[in-house]
Amino acid sequence: MIIAFTLNGEKRIIDVETDRRVVDILREDFGLTGTKESCGTGECGSCTILVDGRNRLSCLMLAIQLQDREVTTIEGMAPGGRLHPLQKAFIEHGAVQCGFCTPGMIMSSAALLKKNTAPTREEIREGLSGNLCRCTGYQKIVDAVDAAAREMEGDPRP
């Protein structure tokens, strides 16, 4: 089946089998390996992408569901190589350790900040509740999202 959608700002057309998952076409057909697959069952959040601005688990989506949609992957968060405030904050706050969960954490954080530009720390924790990390203990991740939210709102505090 031929589908057309926007991927990281570019119109794409691809012929896919009806049972192909989004995570597979992103990684295998488009070479966007920032989207990770860990559990394959929607439990860990490492495959999180944005579809029409909302966070979605790409391991649970069929590629045909992308028809006429706008998709953003972690690679699309840094157009022209300029890091998004979330990406910079994750680096500055040590929220990246092994890095496997990081793309999904950033994508879920981006969806949260799109809905709520000034979340409380509790709202950040709730917004990330579908993403698992085995390395950081989450505190540094919450710190990074909080700092990025403040930077995006123009609050210069570190």
Protein backbone atom coordinates (compact mmCIF):
# COMPACT_ATOMS: atom_id res chain seq x y z
CA MET A 1 0.00 0.00 0.00
CA ILE A 2 1.35 3.42 -0.88
CA ILE A 3 1.20 6.00 1.89
CA ALA A 4 2.15 9.66 1.97
CA PHE A 5 3.07 11.55 5.12
CA THR A 6 5.41 14.25 6.38
CA LEU A 7 8.53 13.02 8.18
CA ASN A 8 10.63 15.59 10.02
CA GLY A 9 9.28 18.33 7.77
CA GLU A 10 9.72 16.48 4.45
CA LYS A 11 6.95 14.92 2.38
CA ARG A 12 7.50 11.19 2.04
CA ILE A 13 5.83 8.52 -0.06
CA ILE A 14 6.50 4.85 0.60
CA ASP A 15 5.05 1.54 -0.48
CA VAL A 16 4.53 -0.57 2.64
CA GLU A 17 3.04 -3.92 3.49
CA THR A 18 -0.06 -3.50 5.65
CA ASP A 19 1.53 -5.26 8.63
CA ARG A 20 4.74 -3.16 8.80
CA ARG A 21 5.24 -1.22 12.01
CA VAL A 22 6.25 2.43 12.12
CA VAL A 23 9.40 1.71 14.15
CA ASP A 24 10.54 -0.66 11.41
CA ILE A 25 10.04 1.72 8.48
CA LEU A 26 11.70 4.56 10.39
CA ARG A 27 14.79 2.50 11.16
CA GLU A 28 15.02 0.24 8.12
CA ASP A 29 13.57 2.28 5.26
CA PHE A 30 14.49 5.82 6.31
CA GLY A 31 17.66 5.08 8.35
CA LEU A 32 16.37 7.03 11.37
CA THR A 33 17.91 4.88 14.07
CA GLY A 34 17.36 7.38 16.88
CA THR A 35 13.95 5.80 17.43
CA LYS A 36 14.75 2.74 19.52
CA GLU A 37 12.87 -0.49 20.03
CA SER A 38 13.31 -2.13 23.37
CA CYS A 39 10.24 -4.02 24.51
CA GLY A 40 8.13 -4.13 21.33
CA THR A 41 4.98 -4.17 23.48
CA GLY A 42 4.43 -0.49 24.32
CA GLU A 43 5.72 -0.77 27.87
CA CYS A 44 9.01 1.14 27.81
CA GLY A 45 8.53 4.26 25.66
CA SER A 46 11.92 4.04 23.94
CA CYS A 47 10.21 4.10 20.52
CA THR A 48 8.24 7.29 21.19
CA ILE A 49 7.73 9.64 18.25
CA LEU A 50 5.41 12.58 17.68
CA VAL A 51 2.48 12.08 15.33
CA ASP A 52 0.60 15.31 14.68
CA GLY A 53 2.35 16.71 17.78
CA ARG A 54 1.24 13.94 20.14
CA ASN A 55 3.50 11.26 21.56
CA ARG A 56 2.91 7.82 20.11
CA LEU A 57 4.62 4.46 20.51
CA SER A 58 5.97 3.53 17.10
CA CYS A 59 6.28 -0.16 18.00
CA LEU A 60 2.48 -0.33 18.33
CA MET A 61 1.59 1.64 15.19
CA LEU A 62 1.20 0.24 11.72
CA ALA A 63 2.84 2.26 8.98
CA ILE A 64 -0.49 2.66 7.17
CA GLN A 65 -1.69 4.73 10.15
CA LEU A 66 0.72 7.48 9.06
CA GLN A 67 -1.28 8.36 5.95
CA ASP A 68 -1.53 12.18 5.71
CA ARG A 69 0.02 12.61 9.19
CA GLU A 70 2.97 14.66 10.39
CA VAL A 71 5.70 12.62 12.09
CA THR A 72 8.63 13.94 14.10
CA THR A 73 11.45 11.70 15.30
CA ILE A 74 14.37 12.60 17.55
CA GLU A 75 16.33 13.46 14.39
CA GLY A 76 13.70 16.06 13.53
CA MET A 77 14.19 17.82 16.86
CA ALA A 78 17.50 19.32 15.72
CA PRO A 79 16.95 20.82 12.27
CA GLY A 80 20.19 22.02 10.76
CA GLY A 81 22.10 20.43 13.64
CA ARG A 82 20.86 23.03 16.14
CA LEU A 83 19.90 21.20 19.34
CA HIS A 84 16.42 21.66 20.75
CA PRO A 85 16.36 23.12 24.31
CA LEU A 86 15.33 19.69 25.60
CA GLN A 87 18.33 18.04 23.98
CA LYS A 88 20.69 20.67 25.40
CA ALA A 89 19.14 20.36 28.87
CA PHE A 90 19.45 16.56 28.87
CA ILE A 91 23.17 16.95 28.14
CA GLU A 92 23.73 19.79 30.63
CA HIS A 93 21.87 18.04 33.48
CA GLY A 94 23.44 14.61 33.00
CA ALA A 95 20.07 13.08 32.05
CA VAL A 96 21.77 10.91 29.44
CA GLN A 97 23.60 7.84 30.62
CA CYS A 98 23.41 4.78 28.39
CA GLY A 99 21.22 6.87 26.07
CA PHE A 100 18.86 4.11 24.99
CA CYS A 101 15.74 5.69 26.54
CA THR A 102 16.80 9.26 25.80
CA PRO A 103 15.11 9.74 22.40
CA GLY A 104 11.79 8.52 23.78
CA MET A 105 12.16 10.64 26.91
CA ILE A 106 12.85 13.74 24.82
CA MET A 107 9.93 13.07 22.48
CA SER A 108 7.52 12.54 25.39
CA SER A 109 8.88 15.70 27.02
CA ALA A 110 8.34 17.66 23.80
CA ALA A 111 4.71 16.49 23.66
CA LEU A 112 4.26 17.48 27.31
CA LEU A 113 5.73 20.95 26.78
CA LYS A 114 3.54 21.47 23.73
CA LYS A 115 0.45 20.91 25.92
CA ASN A 116 1.79 22.55 29.07
CA THR A 117 4.57 25.12 28.66
CA ALA A 118 5.17 25.49 32.40
CA PRO A 119 4.64 22.07 34.01
CA THR A 120 5.26 21.42 37.68
CA ARG A 121 7.81 18.77 38.56
CA GLU A 122 4.92 16.43 39.39
CA GLU A 123 3.37 17.08 35.96
CA ILE A 124 6.73 16.32 34.36
CA ARG A 125 6.91 13.00 36.23
CA GLU A 126 3.36 12.21 35.15
CA GLY A 127 4.13 13.19 31.53
CA LEU A 128 7.08 10.81 31.48
CA SER A 129 5.33 7.96 33.29
CA GLY A 130 5.19 5.83 30.12
CA ASN A 131 8.97 5.97 29.62
CA LEU A 132 11.32 3.66 31.48
CA CYS A 133 14.96 4.33 32.32
CA ARG A 134 17.26 1.91 34.09
CA CYS A 135 20.24 4.23 34.52
CA THR A 136 19.34 7.69 35.79
CA GLY A 137 16.84 7.30 38.59
CA TYR A 138 14.71 9.93 36.77
CA GLN A 139 15.72 12.92 38.92
CA LYS A 140 18.17 14.26 36.35
CA ILE A 141 15.59 13.75 33.61
CA VAL A 142 12.98 15.74 35.54
CA ASP A 143 15.61 18.43 36.21
CA ALA A 144 16.40 18.61 32.48
CA VAL A 145 12.76 18.90 31.40
CA ASP A 146 12.14 21.54 34.05
CA ALA A 147 15.17 23.55 32.91
CA ALA A 148 14.20 23.26 29.23
CA ALA A 149 10.64 24.38 30.00
CA ARG A 150 11.95 27.42 31.86
CA GLU A 151 14.39 28.25 29.04
CA MET A 152 11.66 27.96 26.44
CA GLU A 153 9.49 30.29 28.53
CA GLY A 154 12.35 32.80 28.84
CA ASP A 155 13.23 32.08 32.50
CA PRO A 156 17.06 32.29 32.70
CA ARG A 157 17.43 30.35 35.99
CA PRO A 158 19.69 27.28 35.64
